[in-house]
Amino acid sequence: MRILLSIILFTLASFANAQSYPDYSSTTVNDFSGLLSPEAEARVAAQLATLKSETDIEMTVVTLSRRAMFTDTQTLEEFATGLFNNWGIGDKTRNDGILVLVMRSDREMRIELGAAFGRDWDRVAEMVVDRSFLPLFKQDKYEAGIEKGVSDVIATIAMPFHNREPAPETSGGVSGWWALLIPIPLLLAAFFNTIKDRIAANRPCPKCGHKTLSVVRNTLNQATKSSAGNGERVTACSRCDYRLAVPYTISRRSSSKSSSRSSFGGGSSGGGGASGKW
């Protein structure tokens, strides 16, 4: 009887500590929080696709609302590493993937680097966060911050690493001033896009009445060729504690379905990178 009780308690504890991650629909941009206009998302996705085609480095941008929708215990750094490894960002032999994670309601972000990046690149990532992402995020200009930050990550981290250059100095110098040269029309377009109401599919929150809902699909058990998987569709409000989780079934994989969507290369991260809050 004691053994049976121990098994039951262990099982309940496992469910309580279960970690879920959102399921990606793109290997470039997954804007779950709706921070980007369709035009901006297309521009960022094009940049990342070009980076992939020219260097084979996989870099992806993910926006979410709150970590609490996925975990009650993990820090931002732990969650970013877990998401990176769950998706398998980057080539599995080179481990050179890059994740840009923006948590809107938590007002925090992280650049997570693949395991091949040495610790010198952590301070470079910190420099990029501080100079390109955070200044615009503090003004709630998320679209402009993401576009500027992504350009900076590519120019200051991805390209030098691909060219086998040492990590750039973080005191300024030549590696920093290029970011000031982002075209003015691009910044103007980003500014005007941010002031538009992104109604998209958002409806007023049933509890507080504000249009601050976000919808994320969490894969709990991956589908295989022999069995179906399951997940949950979570609708949450960033202004109040409204949260609705609706379970759904994921159909078994088939050879035609598995080849219809691009996937990451199986890379991993050892926790390197840099975080920021605003």
Protein backbone atom coordinates (compact mmCIF):
# COMPACT_ATOMS: atom_id res chain seq x y z
CA MET A 1 0.00 0.00 0.00
CA ARG A 2 2.85 2.37 0.85
CA ILE A 3 4.52 1.63 -2.47
CA LEU A 4 1.29 2.37 -4.33
CA LEU A 5 0.85 5.63 -2.41
CA SER A 6 4.44 6.64 -3.16
CA ILE A 7 3.90 6.01 -6.87
CA ILE A 8 0.72 8.10 -6.85
CA LEU A 9 2.43 10.98 -5.03
CA PHE A 10 5.41 10.84 -7.39
CA THR A 11 3.10 10.90 -10.40
CA LEU A 12 1.15 13.89 -9.05
CA ALA A 13 4.38 15.74 -8.34
CA SER A 14 5.59 15.05 -11.87
CA PHE A 15 2.42 16.54 -13.33
CA ALA A 16 2.68 19.55 -11.03
CA ASN A 17 6.24 20.23 -12.17
CA ALA A 18 5.59 19.46 -15.83
CA GLN A 19 7.12 21.99 -18.19
CA SER A 20 5.35 23.01 -21.36
CA TYR A 21 6.67 25.08 -24.24
CA PRO A 22 4.84 26.74 -27.13
CA ASP A 23 4.86 24.92 -30.45
CA TYR A 24 6.55 26.87 -33.22
CA SER A 25 4.97 27.44 -36.62
CA SER A 26 8.03 29.11 -38.18
CA THR A 27 11.78 28.79 -37.80
CA THR A 28 12.24 32.56 -38.16
CA VAL A 29 9.53 34.53 -36.29
CA ASN A 30 6.86 33.35 -33.84
CA ASP A 31 5.13 36.55 -32.71
CA PHE A 32 2.74 35.06 -30.15
CA SER A 33 2.27 38.42 -28.38
CA GLY A 34 1.44 40.36 -31.53
CA LEU A 35 4.24 42.91 -31.21
CA LEU A 36 4.98 43.06 -34.95
CA SER A 37 2.87 44.31 -37.81
CA PRO A 38 2.65 41.93 -40.78
CA GLU A 39 5.08 44.16 -42.69
CA ALA A 40 7.65 44.21 -39.87
CA GLU A 41 7.34 40.48 -39.31
CA ALA A 42 7.99 39.91 -43.01
CA ARG A 43 11.10 42.12 -42.88
CA VAL A 44 12.53 40.33 -39.83
CA ALA A 45 11.72 36.91 -41.28
CA ALA A 46 13.46 37.88 -44.53
CA GLN A 47 16.58 38.94 -42.60
CA LEU A 48 16.71 35.66 -40.72
CA ALA A 49 16.06 33.63 -43.87
CA THR A 50 18.93 35.45 -45.59
CA LEU A 51 21.20 34.77 -42.62
CA LYS A 52 20.32 31.08 -42.81
CA SER A 53 20.92 30.86 -46.56
CA GLU A 54 24.24 32.71 -46.42
CA THR A 55 25.75 31.27 -43.23
CA ASP A 56 23.54 28.30 -42.29
CA ILE A 57 23.07 29.88 -38.84
CA GLU A 58 19.55 29.45 -37.48
CA MET A 59 18.32 32.50 -35.61
CA THR A 60 14.73 32.87 -34.45
CA VAL A 61 12.62 35.55 -32.74
CA VAL A 62 9.91 34.60 -30.23
CA THR A 63 7.54 36.95 -28.43
CA LEU A 64 5.44 35.75 -25.50
CA SER A 65 3.34 37.44 -22.83
CA ARG A 66 4.24 35.86 -19.49
CA ARG A 67 6.42 33.02 -18.28
CA ALA A 68 3.70 32.11 -15.80
CA MET A 69 1.69 30.70 -18.70
CA PHE A 70 4.33 27.95 -19.02
CA THR A 71 6.18 27.60 -15.72
CA ASP A 72 5.87 28.55 -12.07
CA THR A 73 9.44 27.80 -11.09
CA GLN A 74 11.87 28.56 -13.91
CA THR A 75 13.82 31.79 -14.21
CA LEU A 76 13.94 33.63 -17.52
CA GLU A 77 17.35 32.13 -18.23
CA GLU A 78 16.19 28.60 -17.47
CA PHE A 79 13.05 28.99 -19.55
CA ALA A 80 14.97 30.40 -22.53
CA THR A 81 17.48 27.54 -22.41
CA GLY A 82 14.68 25.00 -22.12
CA LEU A 83 12.77 26.50 -25.04
CA PHE A 84 15.96 26.62 -27.14
CA ASN A 85 16.72 22.96 -26.49
CA ASN A 86 13.09 21.85 -26.82
CA TRP A 87 12.92 23.33 -30.31
CA GLY A 88 16.49 22.34 -31.21
CA ILE A 89 17.55 25.71 -32.60
CA GLY A 90 20.70 25.63 -34.71
CA ASP A 91 22.74 22.90 -36.36
CA LYS A 92 23.16 19.88 -34.07
CA THR A 93 26.87 19.53 -34.81
CA ARG A 94 27.85 23.22 -34.78
CA ASN A 95 25.40 24.38 -32.04
CA ASP A 96 25.48 27.91 -33.42
CA GLY A 97 21.79 28.79 -33.11
CA ILE A 98 20.51 32.07 -31.66
CA LEU A 99 17.20 32.77 -29.91
CA VAL A 100 15.79 36.25 -29.27
CA LEU A 101 13.04 35.90 -26.66
CA VAL A 102 10.83 38.88 -25.70
CA MET A 103 8.35 38.61 -22.81
CA ARG A 104 6.05 41.60 -23.15
CA SER A 105 4.00 41.58 -19.92
CA ASP A 106 6.98 40.42 -17.83
CA ARG A 107 8.98 43.27 -19.43
CA GLU A 108 12.06 41.13 -19.85
CA MET A 109 14.00 39.62 -22.74
CA ARG A 110 16.94 37.37 -23.49
CA ILE A 111 19.39 36.56 -26.26
CA GLU A 112 20.09 32.82 -25.85
CA LEU A 113 23.19 31.55 -27.64
CA GLY A 114 24.03 28.05 -28.85
CA ALA A 115 26.50 25.90 -26.93
CA ALA A 116 29.34 26.66 -29.37
CA PHE A 117 29.49 30.34 -28.39
CA GLY A 118 32.14 30.93 -25.75
CA ARG A 119 31.58 33.08 -22.66
CA ASP A 120 33.16 36.07 -24.39
CA TRP A 121 30.04 36.23 -26.54
CA ASP A 122 27.83 36.62 -23.46
CA ARG A 123 29.14 40.13 -22.86
CA VAL A 124 28.63 40.95 -26.53
CA ALA A 125 25.04 39.78 -26.25
CA GLU A 126 24.64 41.95 -23.14
CA MET A 127 25.93 44.94 -25.08
CA VAL A 128 23.44 44.33 -27.89
CA VAL A 129 20.55 44.00 -25.42
CA ASP A 130 21.48 47.26 -23.69
CA ARG A 131 22.06 49.39 -26.75
CA SER A 132 19.53 48.15 -29.30
CA PHE A 133 16.60 46.38 -27.61
CA LEU A 134 16.05 48.00 -24.21
CA PRO A 135 16.12 51.73 -25.12
CA LEU A 136 13.17 51.28 -27.51
CA PHE A 137 11.38 48.71 -25.33
CA LYS A 138 11.42 51.24 -22.46
CA GLN A 139 9.39 53.53 -24.74
CA ASP A 140 7.02 50.64 -25.60
CA LYS A 141 8.35 50.72 -29.17
CA TYR A 142 8.60 46.96 -29.41
CA GLU A 143 8.48 46.68 -33.17
CA ALA A 144 11.28 49.20 -33.69
CA GLY A 145 13.31 47.59 -30.88
CA ILE A 146 12.99 44.11 -32.33
CA GLU A 147 13.97 45.25 -35.82
CA LYS A 148 16.96 47.24 -34.59
CA GLY A 149 18.01 44.51 -32.17
CA VAL A 150 17.80 41.72 -34.73
CA SER A 151 19.98 43.72 -37.13
CA ASP A 152 22.49 44.28 -34.34
CA VAL A 153 22.56 40.59 -33.34
CA ILE A 154 23.22 39.58 -36.94
CA ALA A 155 25.96 42.16 -37.50
CA THR A 156 27.67 41.92 -34.10
CA ILE A 157 27.24 38.26 -33.13
CA ALA A 158 26.11 35.98 -35.95
CA MET A 159 28.32 37.25 -38.79
CA PRO A 160 31.57 37.63 -36.80
CA PHE A 161 31.05 34.19 -35.27
CA HIS A 162 30.42 32.68 -38.70
CA ASN A 163 33.60 34.34 -40.00
CA ARG A 164 35.51 32.86 -37.02
CA GLU A 165 36.36 36.28 -35.67
CA PRO A 166 36.93 36.83 -31.94
CA ALA A 167 34.14 38.35 -29.90
CA PRO A 168 34.04 42.13 -30.58
CA GLU A 169 35.13 44.54 -27.89
CA THR A 170 32.22 45.84 -25.84
CA SER A 171 33.60 49.30 -25.10
CA GLY A 172 32.11 50.80 -28.27
CA GLY A 173 34.52 51.15 -31.15
CA VAL A 174 33.84 50.09 -34.70
CA SER A 175 31.50 47.24 -33.77
CA GLY A 176 28.98 49.55 -32.08
CA TRP A 177 28.55 52.70 -34.17
CA TRP A 178 27.12 50.86 -37.21
CA ALA A 179 23.78 50.48 -35.41
CA LEU A 180 23.20 54.22 -35.77
CA LEU A 181 23.06 53.77 -39.53
CA ILE A 182 19.69 52.00 -39.63
CA PRO A 183 17.71 53.72 -42.40
CA ILE A 184 15.45 56.51 -41.19
CA PRO A 185 12.51 55.37 -43.39
CA LEU A 186 12.65 51.96 -41.68
CA LEU A 187 12.42 53.58 -38.24
CA LEU A 188 9.57 55.84 -39.37
CA ALA A 189 7.67 52.89 -40.79
CA ALA A 190 8.22 50.96 -37.58
CA PHE A 191 7.00 53.92 -35.50
CA PHE A 192 3.79 54.38 -37.47
CA ASN A 193 3.12 50.65 -37.39
CA THR A 194 3.42 50.54 -33.59
CA ILE A 195 0.68 53.13 -33.11
CA LYS A 196 -1.79 51.11 -35.16
CA ASP A 197 -4.31 49.03 -33.26
CA ARG A 198 -3.41 45.43 -33.86
CA ILE A 199 -6.89 44.08 -33.69
CA ALA A 200 -5.87 40.94 -35.59
CA ALA A 201 -7.93 38.22 -33.98
CA ASN A 202 -7.91 39.84 -30.54
CA ARG A 203 -11.22 40.25 -28.81
CA PRO A 204 -11.91 41.99 -25.48
CA CYS A 205 -10.95 40.03 -22.38
CA PRO A 206 -14.09 38.45 -20.88
CA LYS A 207 -12.94 39.52 -17.41
CA CYS A 208 -11.48 43.04 -17.70
CA GLY A 209 -12.79 44.06 -21.12
CA HIS A 210 -9.42 45.15 -22.51
CA LYS A 211 -8.04 43.96 -25.84
CA THR A 212 -4.98 42.39 -24.28
CA LEU A 213 -5.46 38.72 -25.02
CA SER A 214 -2.77 36.47 -26.41
CA VAL A 215 -3.19 32.93 -27.69
CA VAL A 216 -0.45 30.30 -27.52
CA ARG A 217 -0.53 26.59 -28.37
CA ASN A 218 1.50 24.44 -25.98
CA THR A 219 2.57 20.98 -27.05
CA LEU A 220 2.40 18.69 -24.02
CA ASN A 221 3.14 15.41 -25.82
CA GLN A 222 4.58 15.31 -29.31
CA ALA A 223 2.77 13.24 -31.91
CA THR A 224 4.64 10.33 -33.49
CA LYS A 225 3.99 8.21 -36.54
CA SER A 226 2.37 5.58 -34.31
CA SER A 227 0.41 7.68 -31.81
CA ALA A 228 -1.35 11.03 -31.55
CA GLY A 229 -0.07 13.78 -29.29
CA ASN A 230 -1.87 16.36 -27.21
CA GLY A 231 -1.56 20.01 -26.31
CA GLU A 232 -3.48 22.93 -24.96
CA ARG A 233 -4.58 26.22 -26.48
CA VAL A 234 -4.06 28.89 -23.81
CA THR A 235 -5.80 32.25 -24.00
CA ALA A 236 -4.50 34.69 -21.39
CA CYS A 237 -4.84 38.38 -20.61
CA SER A 238 -1.77 40.48 -19.87
CA ARG A 239 -3.78 42.94 -17.74
CA CYS A 240 -5.63 40.58 -15.43
CA ASP A 241 -5.49 36.95 -14.32
CA TYR A 242 -7.87 35.64 -16.99
CA ARG A 243 -6.60 32.35 -18.40
CA LEU A 244 -8.42 29.73 -20.42
CA ALA A 245 -6.75 26.45 -21.40
CA VAL A 246 -8.49 24.27 -23.97
CA PRO A 247 -6.98 20.83 -24.69
CA TYR A 248 -6.57 19.59 -28.24
CA THR A 249 -5.32 16.50 -30.01
CA ILE A 250 -2.34 16.49 -32.37
CA SER A 251 -2.75 14.10 -35.28
CA ARG A 252 -0.22 11.36 -35.86
CA ARG A 253 2.68 12.35 -38.05
CA SER A 254 2.92 11.17 -41.61
CA SER A 255 5.77 11.50 -44.05
CA SER A 256 3.87 14.11 -46.05
CA LYS A 257 3.05 16.24 -42.99
CA SER A 258 6.52 16.09 -41.53
CA SER A 259 8.01 17.44 -44.73
CA SER A 260 5.43 20.21 -45.18
CA ARG A 261 6.83 22.41 -42.40
CA SER A 262 10.44 23.43 -41.94
CA SER A 263 12.08 22.43 -38.70
CA PHE A 264 15.15 23.38 -36.71
CA GLY A 265 18.41 21.50 -36.99
CA GLY A 266 18.56 19.92 -33.53
CA GLY A 267 20.99 22.32 -31.88
CA SER A 268 21.35 22.99 -28.17
CA SER A 269 22.33 25.71 -25.73
CA GLY A 270 24.33 25.47 -22.54
CA GLY A 271 22.72 28.58 -21.07
CA GLY A 272 24.94 31.24 -22.62
CA GLY A 273 23.63 34.65 -23.60
CA ALA A 274 22.35 37.79 -21.89
CA SER A 275 19.10 39.08 -20.39
CA GLY A 276 17.56 42.48 -19.86
CA LYS A 277 14.55 44.13 -18.18
CA TRP A 278 12.77 47.41 -18.78
